[in-house]
Amino acid sequence: MSILTLLFLLILGLSVFVGISIFKSISTSEKEKNLVGHIKSIALFTLALAVFSQILGLVNIFGYLANKDANVASSILAKGIKITFHPTMYGLIIYLISILITEGLKFHINRTETQG
C-alpha cells in the first residue's frame, strides 16, 4: 500500500502544479491539458495496481488452503480475505479523489478558455 500512497502523492503534486499554472496564467496551454490526462492515467494505474495486489493476496490464501494439511478456522479465513480488500478500497478511494480533482481542473481549464 506504500506504492499506492506514493502514486497518490504524485497525483496530488501534479494536481497542485496544474492548478497553480492554471490560476497564474490567463490562457491555458496544451501542457496543462496533457498533465490532466496523465493524472487520470496515473489514477487508473493506481486502481489497477490495487486490484492486482488483492488478486495476489487471494492467490496466496487459496494456495495455502490447497495444502492438504491446512486446517483453518472460518473466522481466520474471513479475516484474511477481508484484509485482501484493503488495497482495493484504498485504490478506489484514490481513483475517486483523482477523478474529482481532474474534473475540477478540466472545469477551470474550460472556463479560462471561454473567458480568454
Protein backbone atom coordinates (compact mmCIF):
# COMPACT_ATOMS: atom_id res chain seq x y z
CA MET A 1 0.00 0.00 0.00
CA SER A 2 3.02 2.27 0.28
CA ILE A 3 3.32 2.24 -3.53
CA LEU A 4 -0.31 3.33 -3.73
CA THR A 5 0.43 6.16 -1.31
CA LEU A 6 3.42 7.28 -3.39
CA LEU A 7 1.25 7.28 -6.51
CA PHE A 8 -1.40 9.28 -4.65
CA LEU A 9 1.23 11.84 -3.63
CA LEU A 10 2.35 12.04 -7.26
CA ILE A 11 -1.25 12.67 -8.30
CA LEU A 12 -1.63 15.39 -5.68
CA GLY A 13 1.66 17.00 -6.67
CA LEU A 14 0.76 17.08 -10.35
CA SER A 15 -2.69 18.41 -9.49
CA VAL A 16 -1.24 21.25 -7.44
CA PHE A 17 1.24 22.05 -10.22
CA VAL A 18 -1.51 22.16 -12.85
CA GLY A 19 -3.81 24.11 -10.55
CA ILE A 20 -1.19 26.75 -9.86
CA SER A 21 -0.32 27.10 -13.54
CA ILE A 22 -4.00 27.41 -14.47
CA PHE A 23 -4.70 30.11 -11.89
CA LYS A 24 -1.48 32.02 -12.64
CA SER A 25 -1.85 32.26 -16.40
CA ILE A 26 -4.55 33.90 -18.41
CA SER A 27 -4.65 31.21 -21.07
CA THR A 28 -4.06 27.51 -20.73
CA SER A 29 -1.58 25.61 -22.85
CA GLU A 30 -1.62 22.07 -24.14
CA LYS A 31 0.81 21.20 -21.35
CA GLU A 32 -1.85 21.62 -18.68
CA LYS A 33 -4.39 19.64 -20.68
CA ASN A 34 -1.89 16.82 -21.18
CA LEU A 35 -1.00 16.78 -17.49
CA VAL A 36 -4.66 16.40 -16.57
CA GLY A 37 -4.79 13.37 -18.85
CA HIS A 38 -1.66 11.99 -17.19
CA ILE A 39 -3.22 12.45 -13.77
CA LYS A 40 -6.19 10.34 -14.88
CA SER A 41 -3.86 7.70 -16.28
CA ILE A 42 -1.86 7.50 -13.06
CA ALA A 43 -5.11 7.22 -11.09
CA LEU A 44 -6.29 4.37 -13.28
CA PHE A 45 -2.91 2.65 -12.92
CA THR A 46 -3.21 3.03 -9.15
CA LEU A 47 -6.61 1.32 -9.18
CA ALA A 48 -5.32 -1.49 -11.40
CA LEU A 49 -2.31 -1.99 -9.11
CA ALA A 50 -4.62 -2.15 -6.09
CA VAL A 51 -6.81 -4.80 -7.71
CA PHE A 52 -3.69 -6.73 -8.74
CA SER A 53 -2.43 -6.72 -5.15
CA GLN A 54 -5.77 -8.06 -3.97
CA ILE A 55 -5.60 -10.86 -6.50
CA LEU A 56 -2.10 -11.72 -5.32
CA GLY A 57 -3.36 -11.88 -1.75
CA LEU A 58 -6.23 -14.14 -2.71
CA VAL A 59 -3.90 -16.41 -4.68
CA ASN A 60 -1.70 -16.73 -1.61
CA ILE A 61 -4.67 -17.52 0.62
CA PHE A 62 -6.05 -20.14 -1.75
CA GLY A 63 -2.59 -21.59 -2.29
CA TYR A 64 -2.27 -22.06 1.45
CA LEU A 65 -5.72 -23.62 1.63
CA ALA A 66 -4.86 -26.01 -1.18
CA ASN A 67 -2.37 -27.63 1.15
CA LYS A 68 -3.97 -30.84 2.41
CA ASP A 69 -2.67 -30.29 5.94
CA ALA A 70 -4.16 -26.81 6.25
CA ASN A 71 -6.91 -26.72 8.83
CA VAL A 72 -8.02 -23.10 9.13
CA ALA A 73 -10.95 -21.78 11.14
CA SER A 74 -13.52 -19.93 9.08
CA SER A 75 -13.11 -16.76 11.16
CA ILE A 76 -9.38 -16.63 10.40
CA LEU A 77 -10.09 -17.25 6.72
CA ALA A 78 -12.68 -14.47 6.66
CA LYS A 79 -10.22 -12.05 8.30
CA GLY A 80 -7.58 -12.92 5.72
CA ILE A 81 -9.94 -12.36 2.84
CA LYS A 82 -11.11 -9.11 4.42
CA ILE A 83 -7.52 -7.87 4.58
CA THR A 84 -7.04 -8.52 0.87
CA PHE A 85 -9.76 -5.95 0.15
CA HIS A 86 -7.87 -3.10 1.87
CA PRO A 87 -5.63 -2.20 -1.08
CA THR A 88 -8.57 -2.31 -3.47
CA MET A 89 -10.62 0.02 -1.28
CA TYR A 90 -7.63 2.35 -0.89
CA GLY A 91 -7.01 2.34 -4.65
CA LEU A 92 -10.68 3.05 -5.31
CA ILE A 93 -10.63 5.99 -2.90
CA ILE A 94 -7.52 7.36 -4.63
CA TYR A 95 -9.18 6.90 -8.02
CA LEU A 96 -12.38 8.68 -6.98
CA ILE A 97 -10.45 11.59 -5.47
CA SER A 98 -8.37 11.83 -8.63
CA ILE A 99 -11.48 11.90 -10.81
CA LEU A 100 -12.90 14.74 -8.72
CA ILE A 101 -9.62 16.65 -9.00
CA THR A 102 -9.30 16.17 -12.75
CA GLU A 103 -12.90 17.16 -13.39
CA GLY A 104 -12.35 20.31 -11.34
CA LEU A 105 -9.18 21.10 -13.27
CA LYS A 106 -10.96 20.49 -16.59
CA PHE A 107 -13.73 22.83 -15.48
CA HIS A 108 -11.24 25.60 -14.73
CA ILE A 109 -9.38 24.98 -17.99
CA ASN A 110 -12.62 25.26 -19.97
CA ARG A 111 -13.63 28.34 -18.02
CA THR A 112 -10.33 30.12 -18.70
CA GLU A 113 -10.53 29.20 -22.40
CA THR A 114 -14.02 30.68 -22.74
CA GLN A 115 -13.04 33.83 -20.84
CA GLY A 116 -9.75 34.31 -22.72
